C-alpha cells in the first residue's frame, strides 16, 4: 500500500513539474527565434535558393535579437542560438558554392556550441547561467545576495552547462557518423530531430534542473 502511495505521490510531482515547465517555457520566443528562421531557410532551400534563405534567416535572427533587446531589455535565447548556424551556412555557401553544404553545418554548429559551453566553465559565470539571466528566467546573480554566491547555486549551473556541452558534442558526433554511413533520407530525419526539437528539450530541461538540484542539495 505504501508503495502505491509513494508511486502516486511521485506521479503527482512529475505532473506538477511538467505543468510548471509548460507554463514557464517561452513558447513565443521559441516560435519567433527558432522556428521562423528555420522555416525561412528550408522554404528557400526547397526552391533551390539556399543562400537567399540563409541570408534572410540570419537577418531575421539578428533583427529579433536587436528588437528584443531594445524593446524589452532582454535577449531572445532561441535567436541567439540560431544565428551562428545561419552565419555558418552563409559563409560556407559563399566559400564552397555548394548548395548541399548546409548538410554539414548542423554538426559544425553543435561542435561550436559544445566548445563554448565547456569554455565558459573556466570563467566566473557558466554560459547557461548567463543565458538564464539575459532572458529574465532568474534574477541577476548579484541580486540574489549570498544565495547567488553559494556553492549549490554555482554547482547547479556548472553541471547544467556541462550537460549542454556534452549533448551538443554528442549531437555533432551522431550527425557526422550518420552523414557518412546512413542514407540521406534517414540522415535528414536525424538532422531535423537534433536541431530545433533538441534545443526545445534543452531549454525545458534547463527550467527544471537547477531548482531540482538545489532542492536536492
N, C-alpha and C. Protein backbone atom coordinates (compact mmCIF):
# COMPACT_ATOMS: atom_id res chain seq x y z
N UNK A 1 0.83 -1.21 0.00
CA UNK A 1 0.00 0.00 0.00
C UNK A 1 0.86 1.26 0.00
N UNK A 2 1.93 1.22 0.81
CA UNK A 2 2.83 2.36 0.87
C UNK A 2 3.52 2.59 -0.47
N UNK A 3 3.82 1.47 -1.18
CA UNK A 3 4.46 1.59 -2.48
C UNK A 3 3.55 2.31 -3.46
N UNK A 4 2.26 1.92 -3.47
CA UNK A 4 1.31 2.60 -4.35
C UNK A 4 1.15 4.06 -3.98
N UNK A 5 1.17 4.34 -2.69
CA UNK A 5 1.05 5.72 -2.23
C UNK A 5 2.25 6.55 -2.68
N UNK A 6 3.46 5.95 -2.54
CA UNK A 6 4.67 6.65 -2.97
C UNK A 6 4.66 6.87 -4.48
N UNK A 7 4.21 5.83 -5.23
CA UNK A 7 4.15 5.95 -6.68
C UNK A 7 3.19 7.05 -7.10
N UNK A 8 2.03 7.09 -6.47
CA UNK A 8 1.04 8.13 -6.79
C UNK A 8 1.58 9.52 -6.48
N UNK A 9 2.28 9.61 -5.36
CA UNK A 9 2.86 10.91 -4.97
C UNK A 9 3.92 11.35 -5.97
N UNK A 10 4.77 10.40 -6.40
CA UNK A 10 5.81 10.73 -7.37
C UNK A 10 5.21 11.12 -8.71
N UNK A 11 4.16 10.42 -9.13
CA UNK A 11 3.50 10.76 -10.39
C UNK A 11 2.87 12.15 -10.31
N UNK A 12 2.29 12.46 -9.17
CA UNK A 12 1.68 13.78 -8.98
C UNK A 12 2.74 14.88 -9.06
N UNK A 13 3.91 14.60 -8.49
CA UNK A 13 5.01 15.56 -8.54
C UNK A 13 5.48 15.76 -9.98
N UNK A 14 5.60 14.64 -10.73
CA UNK A 14 6.03 14.73 -12.12
C UNK A 14 5.04 15.53 -12.96
N UNK A 15 3.75 15.27 -12.75
CA UNK A 15 2.72 16.01 -13.48
C UNK A 15 2.78 17.49 -13.14
N UNK A 16 2.98 17.79 -11.86
CA UNK A 16 3.08 19.18 -11.43
C UNK A 16 4.29 19.87 -12.04
N UNK A 17 5.43 19.15 -12.07
CA UNK A 17 6.65 19.71 -12.66
C UNK A 17 6.46 19.94 -14.16
N UNK A 18 5.82 18.99 -14.84
CA UNK A 18 5.60 19.12 -16.28
C UNK A 18 4.69 20.31 -16.58
N UNK A 19 3.66 20.49 -15.78
CA UNK A 19 2.74 21.61 -15.97
C UNK A 19 3.45 22.94 -15.72
N UNK A 20 4.31 22.96 -14.72
CA UNK A 20 5.06 24.18 -14.41
C UNK A 20 6.00 24.54 -15.55
N UNK A 21 6.69 23.52 -16.11
CA UNK A 21 7.59 23.77 -17.24
C UNK A 21 6.80 24.24 -18.46
N UNK A 22 5.62 23.65 -18.68
CA UNK A 22 4.79 24.07 -19.81
C UNK A 22 4.41 25.54 -19.69
N UNK A 23 4.07 25.96 -18.47
CA UNK A 23 3.67 27.34 -18.25
C UNK A 23 4.85 28.31 -18.37
N UNK A 24 6.02 27.86 -17.93
CA UNK A 24 7.18 28.76 -17.90
C UNK A 24 7.95 28.77 -19.21
N UNK A 25 7.74 27.76 -20.05
CA UNK A 25 8.50 27.69 -21.30
C UNK A 25 8.15 28.87 -22.20
N UNK A 26 9.15 29.56 -22.74
CA UNK A 26 8.90 30.75 -23.57
C UNK A 26 8.46 30.38 -24.99
N UNK A 27 7.21 29.97 -25.14
CA UNK A 27 6.72 29.48 -26.43
C UNK A 27 6.81 30.55 -27.51
N UNK A 28 6.47 31.79 -27.17
CA UNK A 28 6.50 32.86 -28.17
C UNK A 28 7.93 33.12 -28.64
N UNK A 29 8.88 33.18 -27.71
CA UNK A 29 10.28 33.34 -28.09
C UNK A 29 10.75 32.18 -28.96
N UNK A 30 10.30 30.98 -28.62
CA UNK A 30 10.67 29.79 -29.37
C UNK A 30 10.19 29.88 -30.82
N UNK A 31 8.93 30.28 -31.01
CA UNK A 31 8.37 30.37 -32.35
C UNK A 31 9.07 31.45 -33.18
N UNK A 32 9.31 32.61 -32.54
CA UNK A 32 9.91 33.73 -33.27
C UNK A 32 11.41 33.51 -33.50
N UNK A 33 12.10 33.02 -32.47
CA UNK A 33 13.56 32.94 -32.55
C UNK A 33 14.11 31.68 -33.15
N UNK A 34 13.38 30.56 -33.07
CA UNK A 34 13.91 29.28 -33.56
C UNK A 34 13.14 28.75 -34.76
N UNK A 35 11.82 28.67 -34.66
CA UNK A 35 11.03 28.08 -35.74
C UNK A 35 11.05 28.94 -37.00
N UNK A 36 10.87 30.24 -36.84
CA UNK A 36 10.76 31.12 -38.01
C UNK A 36 12.01 31.12 -38.88
N UNK A 37 13.22 31.36 -38.33
CA UNK A 37 14.40 31.33 -39.21
C UNK A 37 14.62 29.97 -39.86
N UNK A 38 14.31 28.89 -39.14
CA UNK A 38 14.44 27.57 -39.73
C UNK A 38 13.50 27.37 -40.90
N UNK A 39 12.26 27.83 -40.74
CA UNK A 39 11.29 27.72 -41.83
C UNK A 39 11.69 28.57 -43.02
N UNK A 40 12.21 29.76 -42.76
CA UNK A 40 12.66 30.63 -43.85
C UNK A 40 13.73 29.94 -44.67
N UNK A 41 14.73 29.36 -43.98
CA UNK A 41 15.83 28.73 -44.71
C UNK A 41 15.34 27.52 -45.51
N UNK A 42 14.56 26.65 -44.88
CA UNK A 42 14.14 25.43 -45.56
C UNK A 42 13.18 25.73 -46.71
N UNK A 43 12.38 26.78 -46.59
CA UNK A 43 11.49 27.17 -47.68
C UNK A 43 12.29 27.58 -48.92
N UNK A 44 13.30 28.43 -48.72
CA UNK A 44 14.10 28.87 -49.86
C UNK A 44 14.99 27.75 -50.38
N UNK A 45 15.46 26.88 -49.48
CA UNK A 45 16.26 25.75 -49.95
C UNK A 45 15.41 24.82 -50.80
N UNK A 46 14.14 24.68 -50.46
CA UNK A 46 13.24 23.84 -51.25
C UNK A 46 13.12 24.35 -52.68
N UNK A 47 13.19 25.67 -52.84
CA UNK A 47 13.12 26.28 -54.17
C UNK A 47 14.51 26.57 -54.73
N UNK A 48 15.51 25.84 -54.21
CA UNK A 48 16.89 25.87 -54.71
C UNK A 48 17.51 27.26 -54.60
N UNK A 49 17.19 27.96 -53.51
CA UNK A 49 17.80 29.26 -53.22
C UNK A 49 18.34 29.24 -51.79
N UNK A 50 19.28 28.33 -51.49
CA UNK A 50 19.75 28.20 -50.10
C UNK A 50 20.48 29.43 -49.58
N UNK A 51 21.24 30.11 -50.45
CA UNK A 51 21.97 31.29 -50.00
C UNK A 51 21.01 32.41 -49.61
N UNK A 52 19.99 32.62 -50.42
CA UNK A 52 18.98 33.63 -50.09
C UNK A 52 18.29 33.28 -48.78
N UNK A 53 17.96 32.00 -48.63
CA UNK A 53 17.32 31.56 -47.40
C UNK A 53 18.20 31.76 -46.18
N UNK A 54 19.49 31.44 -46.31
CA UNK A 54 20.42 31.60 -45.20
C UNK A 54 20.58 33.08 -44.83
N UNK A 55 20.66 33.94 -45.84
CA UNK A 55 20.80 35.38 -45.59
C UNK A 55 19.56 35.94 -44.89
N UNK A 56 18.39 35.55 -45.37
CA UNK A 56 17.15 36.04 -44.76
C UNK A 56 16.98 35.50 -43.34
N UNK A 57 17.34 34.23 -43.14
CA UNK A 57 17.23 33.65 -41.79
C UNK A 57 18.18 34.35 -40.83
N UNK A 58 19.41 34.62 -41.29
CA UNK A 58 20.37 35.33 -40.45
C UNK A 58 19.88 36.74 -40.14
N UNK A 59 19.33 37.40 -41.16
CA UNK A 59 18.80 38.75 -40.95
C UNK A 59 17.64 38.75 -39.97
N UNK A 60 16.77 37.75 -40.08
CA UNK A 60 15.64 37.63 -39.15
C UNK A 60 16.14 37.45 -37.72
N UNK A 61 17.08 36.53 -37.52
CA UNK A 61 17.59 36.26 -36.17
C UNK A 61 18.24 37.51 -35.58
N UNK A 62 19.05 38.20 -36.40
CA UNK A 62 19.71 39.41 -35.92
C UNK A 62 18.69 40.49 -35.55
N UNK A 63 17.64 40.62 -36.37
CA UNK A 63 16.61 41.63 -36.10
C UNK A 63 15.84 41.29 -34.82
N UNK A 64 15.55 40.01 -34.61
CA UNK A 64 14.84 39.60 -33.40
C UNK A 64 15.67 39.91 -32.16
N UNK A 65 16.97 39.60 -32.24
CA UNK A 65 17.87 39.89 -31.11
C UNK A 65 17.89 41.38 -30.80
N UNK A 66 18.02 42.19 -31.85
CA UNK A 66 18.11 43.64 -31.67
C UNK A 66 16.82 44.23 -31.12
N UNK A 67 15.69 43.88 -31.73
CA UNK A 67 14.41 44.44 -31.31
C UNK A 67 14.06 44.00 -29.89
N UNK A 68 14.30 42.72 -29.57
CA UNK A 68 14.00 42.23 -28.22
C UNK A 68 14.84 42.95 -27.18
N UNK A 69 16.10 43.18 -27.51
CA UNK A 69 16.98 43.86 -26.55
C UNK A 69 16.58 45.32 -26.37
N UNK A 70 16.29 46.00 -27.47
CA UNK A 70 15.95 47.42 -27.38
C UNK A 70 14.58 47.64 -26.75
N UNK A 71 13.62 46.79 -27.08
CA UNK A 71 12.25 46.99 -26.60
C UNK A 71 12.03 46.45 -25.20
N UNK A 72 12.61 45.29 -24.91
CA UNK A 72 12.33 44.61 -23.64
C UNK A 72 13.53 44.53 -22.71
N UNK A 73 14.71 44.97 -23.20
CA UNK A 73 15.94 44.85 -22.42
C UNK A 73 16.24 43.39 -22.05
N UNK A 74 15.83 42.49 -22.93
CA UNK A 74 16.09 41.07 -22.74
C UNK A 74 16.72 40.50 -24.00
N UNK A 75 17.04 39.22 -23.96
CA UNK A 75 17.63 38.54 -25.11
C UNK A 75 16.75 37.37 -25.49
N UNK A 76 16.47 37.24 -26.79
CA UNK A 76 15.76 36.06 -27.28
C UNK A 76 16.80 34.95 -27.46
N UNK A 77 16.83 34.04 -26.49
CA UNK A 77 17.85 33.00 -26.47
C UNK A 77 17.81 32.14 -27.72
N UNK A 78 16.62 31.86 -28.21
CA UNK A 78 16.49 31.00 -29.38
C UNK A 78 17.10 31.65 -30.62
N UNK A 79 16.90 32.96 -30.77
CA UNK A 79 17.50 33.67 -31.89
C UNK A 79 19.02 33.69 -31.76
N UNK A 80 19.51 33.87 -30.53
CA UNK A 80 20.96 33.87 -30.30
C UNK A 80 21.56 32.52 -30.69
N UNK A 81 20.88 31.43 -30.34
CA UNK A 81 21.38 30.10 -30.65
C UNK A 81 21.23 29.76 -32.13
N UNK A 82 20.26 30.37 -32.81
CA UNK A 82 20.04 30.10 -34.23
C UNK A 82 21.00 30.87 -35.12
N UNK A 83 21.42 32.05 -34.68
CA UNK A 83 22.23 32.93 -35.53
C UNK A 83 23.55 32.31 -35.97
N UNK A 84 24.33 31.66 -35.09
CA UNK A 84 25.59 31.07 -35.55
C UNK A 84 25.40 30.05 -36.66
N UNK A 85 24.33 29.25 -36.58
CA UNK A 85 24.09 28.24 -37.61
C UNK A 85 23.83 28.89 -38.96
N UNK A 86 23.00 29.92 -39.00
CA UNK A 86 22.72 30.59 -40.26
C UNK A 86 23.95 31.31 -40.78
N UNK A 87 24.77 31.85 -39.87
CA UNK A 87 26.02 32.50 -40.28
C UNK A 87 26.96 31.49 -40.92
N UNK A 88 27.07 30.31 -40.31
CA UNK A 88 27.92 29.25 -40.86
C UNK A 88 27.41 28.84 -42.24
N UNK A 89 26.09 28.76 -42.39
CA UNK A 89 25.51 28.39 -43.68
C UNK A 89 25.85 29.42 -44.75
N UNK A 90 25.73 30.71 -44.41
CA UNK A 90 26.02 31.77 -45.37
C UNK A 90 27.49 31.72 -45.79
N UNK A 91 28.39 31.70 -44.81
CA UNK A 91 29.83 31.69 -45.12
C UNK A 91 30.20 30.43 -45.90
N UNK A 92 29.69 29.29 -45.46
CA UNK A 92 30.01 28.04 -46.14
C UNK A 92 29.52 28.01 -47.57
N UNK A 93 28.31 28.50 -47.80
CA UNK A 93 27.77 28.52 -49.16
C UNK A 93 28.57 29.47 -50.05
N UNK A 94 29.00 30.60 -49.49
CA UNK A 94 29.79 31.56 -50.28
C UNK A 94 31.16 30.99 -50.62
N UNK A 95 31.76 30.25 -49.69
CA UNK A 95 33.10 29.72 -49.91
C UNK A 95 33.07 28.49 -50.82
N UNK A 96 32.17 27.56 -50.53
CA UNK A 96 32.17 26.30 -51.27
C UNK A 96 31.36 26.36 -52.56
N UNK A 97 30.40 27.30 -52.64
CA UNK A 97 29.48 27.39 -53.77
C UNK A 97 28.73 26.07 -53.98
N UNK A 98 28.58 25.33 -52.89
CA UNK A 98 27.91 24.03 -52.93
C UNK A 98 26.58 24.15 -52.18
N UNK A 99 25.45 24.06 -52.89
CA UNK A 99 24.15 24.23 -52.22
C UNK A 99 23.86 23.17 -51.17
N UNK A 100 24.57 22.05 -51.18
CA UNK A 100 24.36 21.00 -50.20
C UNK A 100 25.27 21.15 -48.98
N UNK A 101 26.02 22.24 -48.92
CA UNK A 101 26.92 22.45 -47.78
C UNK A 101 26.14 22.50 -46.47
N UNK A 102 24.88 22.94 -46.56
CA UNK A 102 24.09 23.08 -45.33
C UNK A 102 23.96 21.76 -44.57
N UNK A 103 24.16 20.62 -45.27
CA UNK A 103 24.07 19.33 -44.60
C UNK A 103 25.09 19.20 -43.48
N UNK A 104 26.25 19.82 -43.66
CA UNK A 104 27.31 19.69 -42.66
C UNK A 104 27.27 20.79 -41.60
N UNK A 105 26.46 21.82 -41.83
CA UNK A 105 26.51 22.97 -40.93
C UNK A 105 26.00 22.65 -39.53
N UNK A 106 25.04 21.74 -39.42
CA UNK A 106 24.48 21.42 -38.10
C UNK A 106 25.55 20.83 -37.20
N UNK A 107 26.38 19.93 -37.74
CA UNK A 107 27.45 19.33 -36.94
C UNK A 107 28.45 20.39 -36.50
N UNK A 108 28.79 21.30 -37.42
CA UNK A 108 29.72 22.39 -37.08
C UNK A 108 29.14 23.26 -35.97
N UNK A 109 27.85 23.56 -36.08
CA UNK A 109 27.18 24.39 -35.08
C UNK A 109 27.18 23.72 -33.71
N UNK A 110 26.91 22.43 -33.67
CA UNK A 110 26.91 21.69 -32.40
C UNK A 110 28.31 21.67 -31.77
N UNK A 111 29.33 21.46 -32.59
CA UNK A 111 30.70 21.48 -32.07
C UNK A 111 31.02 22.84 -31.49
N UNK A 112 30.64 23.89 -32.21
CA UNK A 112 30.91 25.26 -31.76
C UNK A 112 30.26 25.52 -30.40
N UNK A 113 28.98 25.19 -30.27
CA UNK A 113 28.29 25.45 -29.00
C UNK A 113 28.79 24.54 -27.89
N UNK A 114 29.17 23.32 -28.23
CA UNK A 114 29.74 22.43 -27.21
C UNK A 114 31.02 23.00 -26.63
N UNK A 115 31.89 23.49 -27.51
CA UNK A 115 33.16 24.07 -27.06
C UNK A 115 32.93 25.35 -26.26
N UNK A 116 31.97 26.16 -26.69
CA UNK A 116 31.67 27.40 -25.97
C UNK A 116 31.15 27.08 -24.57
N UNK A 117 30.27 26.08 -24.47
CA UNK A 117 29.73 25.69 -23.15
C UNK A 117 30.86 25.26 -22.22
N UNK A 118 31.73 24.39 -22.70
CA UNK A 118 32.83 23.93 -21.84
C UNK A 118 33.82 25.05 -21.55
N UNK A 119 34.06 25.92 -22.53
CA UNK A 119 34.96 27.04 -22.30
C UNK A 119 34.45 27.98 -21.24
N UNK A 120 33.11 28.15 -21.18
CA UNK A 120 32.53 29.07 -20.20
C UNK A 120 32.68 28.56 -18.77
N UNK A 121 32.96 27.27 -18.60
CA UNK A 121 33.13 26.72 -17.25
C UNK A 121 34.39 27.25 -16.58
N UNK A 122 35.28 27.82 -17.37
CA UNK A 122 36.54 28.34 -16.82
C UNK A 122 36.45 29.82 -16.48
N UNK A 123 35.26 30.42 -16.70
CA UNK A 123 35.05 31.80 -16.29
C UNK A 123 34.12 31.81 -15.09
N UNK A 124 33.84 32.99 -14.55
CA UNK A 124 33.09 33.07 -13.29
C UNK A 124 31.66 32.58 -13.42
N UNK A 125 31.03 32.89 -14.56
CA UNK A 125 29.63 32.51 -14.73
C UNK A 125 29.48 31.58 -15.92
N UNK A 126 28.96 30.37 -15.70
CA UNK A 126 28.74 29.43 -16.80
C UNK A 126 27.77 30.01 -17.83
N UNK A 127 27.89 29.56 -19.07
CA UNK A 127 27.13 30.13 -20.17
C UNK A 127 25.62 30.06 -19.95
N UNK A 128 25.11 28.93 -19.48
CA UNK A 128 23.66 28.80 -19.34
C UNK A 128 23.13 29.70 -18.23
N UNK A 129 23.92 29.98 -17.23
CA UNK A 129 23.53 30.96 -16.21
C UNK A 129 23.44 32.34 -16.82
N UNK A 130 24.39 32.69 -17.67
CA UNK A 130 24.36 33.98 -18.36
C UNK A 130 23.09 34.09 -19.22
N UNK A 131 22.78 33.01 -19.95
CA UNK A 131 21.57 33.00 -20.77
C UNK A 131 20.31 33.16 -19.91
N UNK A 132 20.25 32.43 -18.80
CA UNK A 132 19.07 32.48 -17.93
C UNK A 132 18.85 33.89 -17.40
N UNK A 133 19.92 34.57 -17.02
CA UNK A 133 19.80 35.95 -16.55
C UNK A 133 19.40 36.88 -17.68
N UNK A 134 19.94 36.63 -18.88
CA UNK A 134 19.69 37.52 -20.01
C UNK A 134 18.23 37.46 -20.47
N UNK A 135 17.64 36.27 -20.43
CA UNK A 135 16.25 36.14 -20.88
C UNK A 135 15.25 36.43 -19.76
N UNK A 136 15.76 36.74 -18.58
CA UNK A 136 14.88 37.07 -17.47
C UNK A 136 14.33 35.86 -16.75
N UNK A 137 14.95 34.69 -16.97
CA UNK A 137 14.48 33.48 -16.31
C UNK A 137 14.74 33.49 -14.81
N UNK A 138 15.83 34.13 -14.40
CA UNK A 138 16.16 34.27 -12.98
C UNK A 138 16.69 35.67 -12.75
N UNK A 139 16.68 36.16 -11.51
CA UNK A 139 17.29 37.46 -11.21
C UNK A 139 18.80 37.42 -11.45
N UNK A 140 19.40 38.58 -11.58
CA UNK A 140 20.85 38.66 -11.69
C UNK A 140 21.50 38.05 -10.46
N UNK A 141 22.66 37.43 -10.66
CA UNK A 141 23.35 36.78 -9.55
C UNK A 141 23.60 37.75 -8.41
N UNK A 142 23.95 39.01 -8.75
CA UNK A 142 24.23 40.00 -7.72
C UNK A 142 22.99 40.30 -6.88
N UNK A 143 21.81 40.15 -7.49
CA UNK A 143 20.56 40.45 -6.77
C UNK A 143 20.16 39.34 -5.81
N UNK A 144 20.80 38.18 -5.93
CA UNK A 144 20.44 37.04 -5.09
C UNK A 144 21.24 37.00 -3.79
N UNK A 145 22.19 37.92 -3.64
CA UNK A 145 22.96 38.01 -2.40
C UNK A 145 23.80 36.77 -2.15
N UNK A 146 23.80 36.31 -0.90
CA UNK A 146 24.61 35.16 -0.52
C UNK A 146 24.20 33.89 -1.26
N UNK A 147 22.90 33.75 -1.52
CA UNK A 147 22.44 32.56 -2.24
C UNK A 147 23.06 32.48 -3.63
N UNK A 148 23.19 33.62 -4.30
CA UNK A 148 23.79 33.64 -5.63
C UNK A 148 25.27 33.30 -5.62
N UNK A 149 25.91 33.42 -4.44
CA UNK A 149 27.33 33.09 -4.31
C UNK A 149 27.54 31.71 -3.71
N UNK A 150 26.46 31.02 -3.38
CA UNK A 150 26.59 29.73 -2.71
C UNK A 150 27.12 28.65 -3.65
N UNK A 151 27.72 27.63 -3.06
CA UNK A 151 28.27 26.53 -3.84
C UNK A 151 27.17 25.75 -4.56
N UNK A 152 26.01 25.58 -3.89
CA UNK A 152 24.91 24.84 -4.50
C UNK A 152 24.41 25.54 -5.76
N UNK A 153 24.27 26.86 -5.68
CA UNK A 153 23.78 27.64 -6.82
C UNK A 153 24.75 27.54 -7.99
N UNK A 154 26.03 27.76 -7.71
CA UNK A 154 27.02 27.72 -8.79
C UNK A 154 27.16 26.31 -9.36
N UNK A 155 27.15 25.30 -8.50
CA UNK A 155 27.30 23.92 -8.97
C UNK A 155 26.17 23.53 -9.92
N UNK A 156 24.96 23.97 -9.59
CA UNK A 156 23.81 23.63 -10.44
C UNK A 156 24.01 24.14 -11.86
N UNK A 157 24.50 25.37 -12.00
CA UNK A 157 24.67 25.95 -13.33
C UNK A 157 25.90 25.42 -14.03
N UNK A 158 26.93 25.05 -13.28
CA UNK A 158 28.10 24.42 -13.88
C UNK A 158 27.72 23.07 -14.48
N UNK A 159 26.99 22.27 -13.70
CA UNK A 159 26.58 20.95 -14.18
C UNK A 159 25.65 21.08 -15.38
N UNK A 160 24.71 22.02 -15.31
CA UNK A 160 23.77 22.22 -16.42
C UNK A 160 24.51 22.63 -17.69
N UNK A 161 25.45 23.55 -17.56
CA UNK A 161 26.22 23.99 -18.73
C UNK A 161 27.05 22.84 -19.29
N UNK A 162 27.62 22.02 -18.42
CA UNK A 162 28.38 20.85 -18.88
C UNK A 162 27.46 19.87 -19.62
N UNK A 163 26.24 19.71 -19.13
CA UNK A 163 25.28 18.84 -19.82
C UNK A 163 24.99 19.37 -21.22
N UNK A 164 24.79 20.68 -21.33
CA UNK A 164 24.59 21.28 -22.65
C UNK A 164 25.79 20.98 -23.56
N UNK A 165 26.99 21.15 -23.03
CA UNK A 165 28.19 20.91 -23.83
C UNK A 165 28.28 19.47 -24.30
N UNK A 166 28.01 18.53 -23.39
CA UNK A 166 28.06 17.11 -23.73
C UNK A 166 27.01 16.77 -24.80
N UNK A 167 25.80 17.27 -24.61
CA UNK A 167 24.72 16.99 -25.57
C UNK A 167 25.07 17.53 -26.95
N UNK A 168 25.60 18.75 -27.01
CA UNK A 168 25.98 19.33 -28.31
C UNK A 168 27.08 18.52 -28.99
N UNK A 169 28.09 18.12 -28.25
CA UNK A 169 29.18 17.35 -28.85
C UNK A 169 28.71 15.95 -29.27
N UNK A 170 27.83 15.35 -28.48
CA UNK A 170 27.26 14.05 -28.86
C UNK A 170 26.41 14.19 -30.12
N UNK A 171 25.64 15.27 -30.20
CA UNK A 171 24.82 15.51 -31.39
C UNK A 171 25.70 15.67 -32.62
N UNK A 172 26.82 16.39 -32.47
CA UNK A 172 27.74 16.56 -33.59
C UNK A 172 28.30 15.21 -34.04
N UNK A 173 28.69 14.38 -33.09
CA UNK A 173 29.23 13.06 -33.43
C UNK A 173 28.19 12.20 -34.14
N UNK A 174 26.95 12.24 -33.66
CA UNK A 174 25.87 11.48 -34.30
C UNK A 174 25.63 11.96 -35.72
N UNK A 175 25.63 13.28 -35.92
CA UNK A 175 25.40 13.83 -37.25
C UNK A 175 26.52 13.46 -38.22
N UNK A 176 27.75 13.55 -37.75
CA UNK A 176 28.88 13.20 -38.62
C UNK A 176 28.82 11.73 -39.02
N UNK A 177 28.58 10.87 -38.03
CA UNK A 177 28.51 9.44 -38.31
C UNK A 177 27.34 9.10 -39.23
N UNK A 178 26.18 9.71 -38.98
CA UNK A 178 25.01 9.40 -39.79
C UNK A 178 25.14 9.93 -41.22
N UNK A 179 25.83 11.07 -41.38
CA UNK A 179 26.02 11.60 -42.73
C UNK A 179 26.96 10.71 -43.53
N UNK A 180 27.91 10.07 -42.85
CA UNK A 180 28.87 9.20 -43.54
C UNK A 180 28.26 7.84 -43.88
N UNK A 181 27.54 7.27 -42.92
CA UNK A 181 27.16 5.86 -43.05
C UNK A 181 25.68 5.60 -43.32
N UNK A 182 24.81 6.59 -43.13
CA UNK A 182 23.38 6.33 -43.29
C UNK A 182 22.86 6.92 -44.60
N UNK A 183 21.73 6.41 -45.10
CA UNK A 183 21.10 7.00 -46.29
C UNK A 183 20.73 8.46 -46.03
N UNK A 184 20.69 9.24 -47.10
CA UNK A 184 20.42 10.67 -46.98
C UNK A 184 19.08 10.95 -46.29
N UNK A 185 18.06 10.18 -46.64
CA UNK A 185 16.73 10.41 -46.06
C UNK A 185 16.75 10.25 -44.55
N UNK A 186 17.42 9.20 -44.07
CA UNK A 186 17.49 8.97 -42.63
C UNK A 186 18.35 10.03 -41.95
N UNK A 187 19.44 10.42 -42.61
CA UNK A 187 20.28 11.49 -42.06
C UNK A 187 19.50 12.78 -41.89
N UNK A 188 18.66 13.13 -42.86
CA UNK A 188 17.88 14.36 -42.78
C UNK A 188 16.88 14.32 -41.62
N UNK A 189 16.32 13.13 -41.36
CA UNK A 189 15.42 12.98 -40.21
C UNK A 189 16.17 13.23 -38.91
N UNK A 190 17.37 12.63 -38.80
CA UNK A 190 18.19 12.81 -37.60
C UNK A 190 18.61 14.27 -37.46
N UNK A 191 19.00 14.88 -38.57
CA UNK A 191 19.42 16.29 -38.54
C UNK A 191 18.29 17.18 -38.05
N UNK A 192 17.08 16.92 -38.52
CA UNK A 192 15.93 17.72 -38.08
C UNK A 192 15.65 17.52 -36.59
N UNK A 193 15.75 16.27 -36.14
CA UNK A 193 15.47 15.97 -34.73
C UNK A 193 16.49 16.61 -33.80
N UNK A 194 17.73 16.76 -34.29
CA UNK A 194 18.79 17.31 -33.45
C UNK A 194 18.96 18.82 -33.62
N UNK A 195 17.96 19.46 -34.20
CA UNK A 195 18.03 20.92 -34.35
C UNK A 195 17.04 21.58 -33.38
N UNK A 196 15.97 22.11 -33.88
CA UNK A 196 15.01 22.82 -33.03
C UNK A 196 14.39 21.95 -31.94
N UNK A 197 13.97 20.70 -32.22
CA UNK A 197 13.42 19.88 -31.13
C UNK A 197 14.40 19.65 -29.99
N UNK A 198 15.67 19.41 -30.32
CA UNK A 198 16.68 19.21 -29.28
C UNK A 198 16.86 20.49 -28.46
N UNK A 199 16.88 21.62 -29.14
CA UNK A 199 17.02 22.90 -28.44
C UNK A 199 15.86 23.11 -27.47
N UNK A 200 14.65 22.78 -27.91
CA UNK A 200 13.48 22.93 -27.04
C UNK A 200 13.59 22.05 -25.81
N UNK A 201 14.08 20.82 -25.99
CA UNK A 201 14.25 19.90 -24.86
C UNK A 201 15.29 20.45 -23.89
N UNK A 202 16.40 20.96 -24.40
CA UNK A 202 17.44 21.51 -23.54
C UNK A 202 16.93 22.72 -22.75
N UNK A 203 16.17 23.57 -23.41
CA UNK A 203 15.63 24.75 -22.72
C UNK A 203 14.65 24.31 -21.63
N UNK A 204 13.76 23.38 -21.95
CA UNK A 204 12.80 22.89 -20.96
C UNK A 204 13.52 22.25 -19.78
N UNK A 205 14.54 21.45 -20.07
CA UNK A 205 15.33 20.80 -19.02
C UNK A 205 16.01 21.84 -18.14
N UNK A 206 16.43 22.95 -18.75
CA UNK A 206 17.14 23.99 -18.01
C UNK A 206 16.23 24.73 -17.04
N UNK A 207 14.93 24.75 -17.31
CA UNK A 207 13.98 25.34 -16.36
C UNK A 207 13.84 24.48 -15.12
N UNK A 208 13.95 23.17 -15.31
CA UNK A 208 13.70 22.23 -14.22
C UNK A 208 14.94 21.91 -13.40
N UNK A 209 16.09 21.70 -14.06
CA UNK A 209 17.25 21.12 -13.39
C UNK A 209 17.79 21.94 -12.22
N UNK A 210 18.05 23.25 -12.36
CA UNK A 210 18.65 23.98 -11.24
C UNK A 210 17.82 23.91 -9.96
N UNK A 211 16.50 24.06 -10.10
CA UNK A 211 15.64 24.01 -8.91
C UNK A 211 15.67 22.62 -8.29
N UNK A 212 15.61 21.58 -9.13
CA UNK A 212 15.68 20.21 -8.61
C UNK A 212 17.01 19.95 -7.91
N UNK A 213 18.10 20.41 -8.51
CA UNK A 213 19.43 20.16 -7.95
C UNK A 213 19.60 20.86 -6.61
N UNK A 214 19.17 22.12 -6.54
CA UNK A 214 19.35 22.88 -5.31
C UNK A 214 18.42 22.38 -4.20
N UNK A 215 17.23 21.94 -4.54
CA UNK A 215 16.35 21.34 -3.53
C UNK A 215 16.93 20.03 -3.02
N UNK A 216 17.54 19.29 -3.93
CA UNK A 216 18.16 18.01 -3.57
C UNK A 216 19.36 18.23 -2.66
N UNK A 217 20.13 19.29 -2.93
CA UNK A 217 21.32 19.59 -2.13
C UNK A 217 20.92 20.05 -0.73
